């Protein structure tokens, strides 16, 4: 799958953030970008949920942050 397509919705391509780390077809920088996008999406979902908008109950934000930490110096900006 093309990198640009993955960036649009990482959760549609990967079941969990660790799967991004395990993808040998991606560079380290691509993995960081995907995890940053997934983190942004998860934060937006949390905000929507806090505003009583429906969404999945299972948030993967902690898993995303842990995966980013494994890559060490992914930029922390969301």
C-alpha atoms as a PDB file:
ATOM      1  CA  UNK A   1       0.000   0.000   0.000  1.00  0.00           C
ATOM      2  CA  UNK A   2       1.224   3.497  -0.776  1.00  0.00           C
ATOM      3  CA  UNK A   3       2.517   5.669   2.032  1.00  0.00           C
ATOM      4  CA  UNK A   4       0.097   8.505   1.212  1.00  0.00           C
ATOM      5  CA  UNK A   5      -2.882   6.156   1.492  1.00  0.00           C
ATOM      6  CA  UNK A   6      -1.664   4.841   4.837  1.00  0.00           C
ATOM      7  CA  UNK A   7      -1.309   8.400   6.158  1.00  0.00           C
ATOM      8  CA  UNK A   8      -4.948   9.151   5.416  1.00  0.00           C
ATOM      9  CA  UNK A   9      -6.165   6.517   7.896  1.00  0.00           C
ATOM     10  CA  UNK A  10      -3.497   4.402   9.607  1.00  0.00           C
ATOM     11  CA  UNK A  11      -6.088   2.495  11.650  1.00  0.00           C
ATOM     12  CA  UNK A  12      -7.690   1.248   8.425  1.00  0.00           C
ATOM     13  CA  UNK A  13      -4.400  -0.369   7.417  1.00  0.00           C
ATOM     14  CA  UNK A  14      -2.933  -1.494  10.746  1.00  0.00           C
ATOM     15  CA  UNK A  15      -4.681  -3.234  13.626  1.00  0.00           C
ATOM     16  CA  UNK A  16      -2.345  -1.791  16.235  1.00  0.00           C
ATOM     17  CA  UNK A  17       0.531   0.715  16.348  1.00  0.00           C
ATOM     18  CA  UNK A  18       3.092  -2.061  16.825  1.00  0.00           C
ATOM     19  CA  UNK A  19       2.168  -3.240  13.316  1.00  0.00           C
ATOM     20  CA  UNK A  20       3.574   0.031  11.963  1.00  0.00           C
ATOM     21  CA  UNK A  21       6.880  -0.668  13.691  1.00  0.00           C
ATOM     22  CA  UNK A  22       6.905  -4.195  12.313  1.00  0.00           C
ATOM     23  CA  UNK A  23       6.303  -3.107   8.700  1.00  0.00           C
ATOM     24  CA  UNK A  24       9.596  -3.671   6.923  1.00  0.00           C
ATOM     25  CA  UNK A  25       8.429  -1.768   3.843  1.00  0.00           C
ATOM     26  CA  UNK A  26       8.488   1.572   5.662  1.00  0.00           C
ATOM     27  CA  UNK A  27      11.435   3.786   6.507  1.00  0.00           C
ATOM     28  CA  UNK A  28      11.897   5.060  10.038  1.00  0.00           C
ATOM     29  CA  UNK A  29      10.709   8.524   8.980  1.00  0.00           C
ATOM     30  CA  UNK A  30       7.599   7.075   7.342  1.00  0.00           C
ATOM     31  CA  UNK A  31       6.825   5.126  10.511  1.00  0.00           C
ATOM     32  CA  UNK A  32       7.144   8.325  12.545  1.00  0.00           C
ATOM     33  CA  UNK A  33       4.819  10.205  10.195  1.00  0.00           C
ATOM     34  CA  UNK A  34       2.224   7.429  10.308  1.00  0.00           C
ATOM     35  CA  UNK A  35       2.350   7.247  14.100  1.00  0.00           C
ATOM     36  CA  UNK A  36       2.060  11.045  14.364  1.00  0.00           C
ATOM     37  CA  UNK A  37      -1.020  10.997  12.138  1.00  0.00           C
ATOM     38  CA  UNK A  38      -2.528   8.121  14.109  1.00  0.00           C
ATOM     39  CA  UNK A  39      -1.840  10.022  17.348  1.00  0.00           C
ATOM     40  CA  UNK A  40      -3.544  13.118  15.942  1.00  0.00           C
ATOM     41  CA  UNK A  41      -6.560  11.034  14.932  1.00  0.00           C
ATOM     42  CA  UNK A  42      -6.728   9.404  18.386  1.00  0.00           C
ATOM     43  CA  UNK A  43      -6.558  12.778  20.156  1.00  0.00           C
ATOM     44  CA  UNK A  44      -9.327  14.142  17.931  1.00  0.00           C
ATOM     45  CA  UNK A  45     -11.414  11.064  18.722  1.00  0.00           C
ATOM     46  CA  UNK A  46     -10.893  11.608  22.456  1.00  0.00           C
ATOM     47  CA  UNK A  47     -12.048  15.214  22.136  1.00  0.00           C
ATOM     48  CA  UNK A  48     -15.153  14.131  20.227  1.00  0.00           C
ATOM     49  CA  UNK A  49     -15.886  11.471  22.818  1.00  0.00           C
ATOM     50  CA  UNK A  50     -15.512  14.008  25.623  1.00  0.00           C
ATOM     51  CA  UNK A  51     -18.057  16.168  23.817  1.00  0.00           C
ATOM     52  CA  UNK A  52     -20.509  13.241  23.865  1.00  0.00           C
ATOM     53  CA  UNK A  53     -20.050  12.443  20.201  1.00  0.00           C
ATOM     54  CA  UNK A  54     -20.137   8.725  19.475  1.00  0.00           C
ATOM     55  CA  UNK A  55     -16.967   6.869  18.692  1.00  0.00           C
ATOM     56  CA  UNK A  56     -15.176   3.623  19.427  1.00  0.00           C
ATOM     57  CA  UNK A  57     -14.702   2.948  23.103  1.00  0.00           C
ATOM     58  CA  UNK A  58     -11.173   1.569  22.710  1.00  0.00           C
ATOM     59  CA  UNK A  59      -8.576   4.305  22.351  1.00  0.00           C
ATOM     60  CA  UNK A  60      -5.145   3.296  21.139  1.00  0.00           C
ATOM     61  CA  UNK A  61      -3.455   6.549  22.165  1.00  0.00           C
ATOM     62  CA  UNK A  62      -1.286   4.863  24.821  1.00  0.00           C
ATOM     63  CA  UNK A  63      -0.198   2.229  22.310  1.00  0.00           C
ATOM     64  CA  UNK A  64       0.608   4.910  19.743  1.00  0.00           C
ATOM     65  CA  UNK A  65       2.723   6.867  22.237  1.00  0.00           C
ATOM     66  CA  UNK A  66       4.556   3.678  23.232  1.00  0.00           C
ATOM     67  CA  UNK A  67       5.289   2.879  19.577  1.00  0.00           C
ATOM     68  CA  UNK A  68       6.583   6.407  19.001  1.00  0.00           C
ATOM     69  CA  UNK A  69       8.821   6.030  22.047  1.00  0.00           C
ATOM     70  CA  UNK A  70      10.298   2.858  20.566  1.00  0.00           C
ATOM     71  CA  UNK A  71      11.391   4.909  17.559  1.00  0.00           C
ATOM     72  CA  UNK A  72      12.942   7.297  20.101  1.00  0.00           C
ATOM     73  CA  UNK A  73      13.192  10.679  18.456  1.00  0.00           C
ATOM     74  CA  UNK A  74       9.904  11.015  16.637  1.00  0.00           C
ATOM     75  CA  UNK A  75       8.893  14.633  16.938  1.00  0.00           C
ATOM     76  CA  UNK A  76       6.289  14.975  19.707  1.00  0.00           C
ATOM     77  CA  UNK A  77       4.232  17.657  17.967  1.00  0.00           C
ATOM     78  CA  UNK A  78       0.634  16.726  17.251  1.00  0.00           C
END
